[in-house]
Amino acid sequence: MRLVFQGLRTPTRDEAFLFADGGRSRVLVREVYLCCGDTPVVFAHSVARPRDVRGPWKALTGLGSRSLGTRLFTDPRVERCPLRQSKLGRGHELHARALSAAPDVLGALWARRSIFMLHKSPILVTEVFLPGILAL
């Protein structure tokens, strides 16, 4: 896993539904590449409200290069909402960020996303599948 970014940012247009102010406030964003050897295969993008990071999701701030997935799937209090999938075209905000590791790819990318809940506080996790995953 390679940490790309962790800090405050404005959520993407299609993440705004999760926030009471319609996504106008900055949220905690964490972006990592999941790799097989040296090849990035998944771009993972997570968002949470800053107040939730000071509360139920406090462990997120100290993850560094450790896996968020381990935290999500080993804590029995965390509930996962249904997965949704989508094809991200070149105009999507996450498309360009995901492809900074594979800039020669021009086509759409498949992604899936799910909301995880802990004490009624959400975190939205989007996984964008990179071309390198096809070699696995």
Protein backbone atom coordinates (compact mmCIF):
# COMPACT_ATOMS: atom_id res chain seq x y z
CA MET A 1 0.00 0.00 0.00
CA ARG A 2 1.23 3.48 -0.86
CA LEU A 3 -0.29 6.52 0.87
CA VAL A 4 -0.90 9.31 -1.65
CA PHE A 5 -2.82 11.92 0.34
CA GLN A 6 -4.46 12.37 3.71
CA GLY A 7 -5.91 15.73 4.68
CA LEU A 8 -8.82 18.10 4.28
CA ARG A 9 -10.46 18.60 0.86
CA THR A 10 -13.83 19.43 -0.58
CA PRO A 11 -15.76 16.22 -1.39
CA THR A 12 -16.41 15.31 -5.03
CA ARG A 13 -19.79 16.17 -6.55
CA ASP A 14 -21.09 12.63 -6.15
CA GLU A 15 -19.98 12.44 -2.50
CA ALA A 16 -21.89 15.58 -1.44
CA PHE A 17 -25.05 13.58 -0.61
CA LEU A 18 -23.33 12.24 2.50
CA PHE A 19 -22.87 15.64 4.10
CA ALA A 20 -25.59 17.86 5.60
CA ASP A 21 -24.24 21.02 3.95
CA GLY A 22 -24.27 19.45 0.49
CA GLY A 23 -20.51 19.03 0.38
CA ARG A 24 -19.53 22.67 0.78
CA SER A 25 -17.36 22.02 3.85
CA ARG A 26 -14.02 20.28 3.72
CA VAL A 27 -13.85 16.65 4.77
CA LEU A 28 -11.03 14.30 5.68
CA VAL A 29 -9.85 12.54 2.53
CA ARG A 30 -7.50 9.57 2.47
CA GLU A 31 -6.15 8.25 -0.81
CA VAL A 32 -3.91 5.21 -1.24
CA TYR A 33 -2.78 2.84 -3.96
CA LEU A 34 -3.14 -0.85 -3.21
CA CYS A 35 -0.33 -2.62 -5.01
CA CYS A 36 0.62 -6.10 -6.12
CA GLY A 37 4.39 -5.96 -5.92
CA ASP A 38 5.25 -2.59 -7.45
CA THR A 39 2.12 -2.40 -9.62
CA PRO A 40 -0.80 -0.26 -8.40
CA VAL A 41 -4.03 -2.24 -8.90
CA VAL A 42 -6.59 -0.26 -6.86
CA PHE A 43 -6.88 3.43 -6.02
CA ALA A 44 -8.76 3.71 -2.71
CA HIS A 45 -10.41 7.02 -1.80
CA SER A 46 -12.13 7.49 1.57
CA VAL A 47 -14.00 10.48 2.99
CA ALA A 48 -15.29 11.25 6.48
CA ARG A 49 -16.57 14.31 8.30
CA PRO A 50 -13.91 15.97 10.47
CA ARG A 51 -16.13 15.70 13.57
CA ASP A 52 -16.41 11.93 13.04
CA VAL A 53 -12.63 11.67 12.81
CA ARG A 54 -12.44 13.27 16.24
CA GLY A 55 -15.10 10.82 17.46
CA PRO A 56 -15.94 7.28 16.28
CA TRP A 57 -13.44 7.22 13.40
CA LYS A 58 -10.55 8.67 15.45
CA ALA A 59 -8.32 5.73 14.52
CA LEU A 60 -8.23 6.98 10.91
CA THR A 61 -5.93 9.87 11.72
CA GLY A 62 -3.19 7.58 12.97
CA LEU A 63 -3.29 4.94 10.22
CA GLY A 64 -0.39 6.32 8.20
CA SER A 65 0.53 3.60 5.73
CA ARG A 66 -1.49 0.91 7.54
CA SER A 67 -4.62 -0.53 5.94
CA LEU A 68 -8.01 1.09 6.50
CA GLY A 69 -9.60 -2.19 5.38
CA THR A 70 -8.15 -3.99 8.37
CA ARG A 71 -9.87 -1.50 10.66
CA LEU A 72 -13.17 -1.72 8.78
CA PHE A 73 -13.37 -5.50 8.58
CA THR A 74 -12.05 -6.48 12.02
CA ASP A 75 -14.22 -4.19 14.16
CA PRO A 76 -17.56 -5.97 14.72
CA ARG A 77 -19.25 -2.62 15.45
CA VAL A 78 -18.67 -1.40 11.89
CA GLU A 79 -21.64 -1.97 9.57
CA ARG A 80 -21.24 -2.03 5.80
CA CYS A 81 -23.98 -0.68 3.55
CA PRO A 82 -24.55 -2.30 0.13
CA LEU A 83 -21.88 -1.90 -2.54
CA ARG A 84 -22.56 0.24 -5.59
CA GLN A 85 -20.55 0.16 -8.77
CA SER A 86 -20.01 2.67 -11.54
CA LYS A 87 -17.89 3.34 -14.58
CA LEU A 88 -15.81 6.51 -14.13
CA GLY A 89 -15.25 8.45 -17.33
CA ARG A 90 -12.37 10.81 -18.00
CA GLY A 91 -14.41 13.74 -16.68
CA HIS A 92 -14.89 12.26 -13.22
CA GLU A 93 -12.89 13.89 -10.45
CA LEU A 94 -11.44 10.60 -9.21
CA HIS A 95 -10.46 9.37 -12.68
CA ALA A 96 -7.49 11.72 -13.03
CA ARG A 97 -6.34 11.19 -9.45
CA ALA A 98 -6.54 7.42 -9.81
CA LEU A 99 -4.53 7.48 -13.01
CA SER A 100 -1.61 9.49 -11.71
CA ALA A 101 0.02 6.04 -11.30
CA ALA A 102 -0.96 4.96 -14.85
CA PRO A 103 -1.16 8.17 -16.93
CA ASP A 104 -1.17 6.40 -20.31
CA VAL A 105 -4.68 4.96 -19.76
CA LEU A 106 -7.36 6.96 -21.54
CA GLY A 107 -10.50 4.91 -21.08
CA ALA A 108 -13.08 4.63 -18.33
CA LEU A 109 -12.35 2.84 -15.07
CA TRP A 110 -14.64 0.65 -12.99
CA ALA A 111 -15.17 1.60 -9.36
CA ARG A 112 -17.18 0.43 -6.41
CA ARG A 113 -18.16 2.27 -3.27
CA SER A 114 -19.74 1.56 0.06
CA ILE A 115 -20.63 3.44 3.19
CA PHE A 116 -19.37 2.05 6.47
CA MET A 117 -21.15 3.08 9.68
CA LEU A 118 -19.76 3.22 13.20
CA HIS A 119 -22.04 4.65 15.91
CA LYS A 120 -24.22 6.28 13.21
CA SER A 121 -21.19 8.03 11.71
CA PRO A 122 -20.43 7.30 8.04
CA ILE A 123 -17.23 6.89 6.11
CA LEU A 124 -17.48 6.55 2.34
CA VAL A 125 -14.93 4.28 0.66
CA THR A 126 -14.47 4.23 -3.12
CA GLU A 127 -12.17 1.73 -4.82
CA VAL A 128 -11.15 2.44 -8.42
CA PHE A 129 -9.80 -0.58 -10.28
CA LEU A 130 -6.66 0.19 -12.27
CA PRO A 131 -5.55 -1.61 -15.46
CA GLY A 132 -2.81 -3.44 -13.54
CA ILE A 133 -5.48 -5.54 -11.83
CA LEU A 134 -6.14 -7.40 -15.09
CA ALA A 135 -2.74 -9.08 -14.86
CA LEU A 136 -3.60 -10.77 -11.57
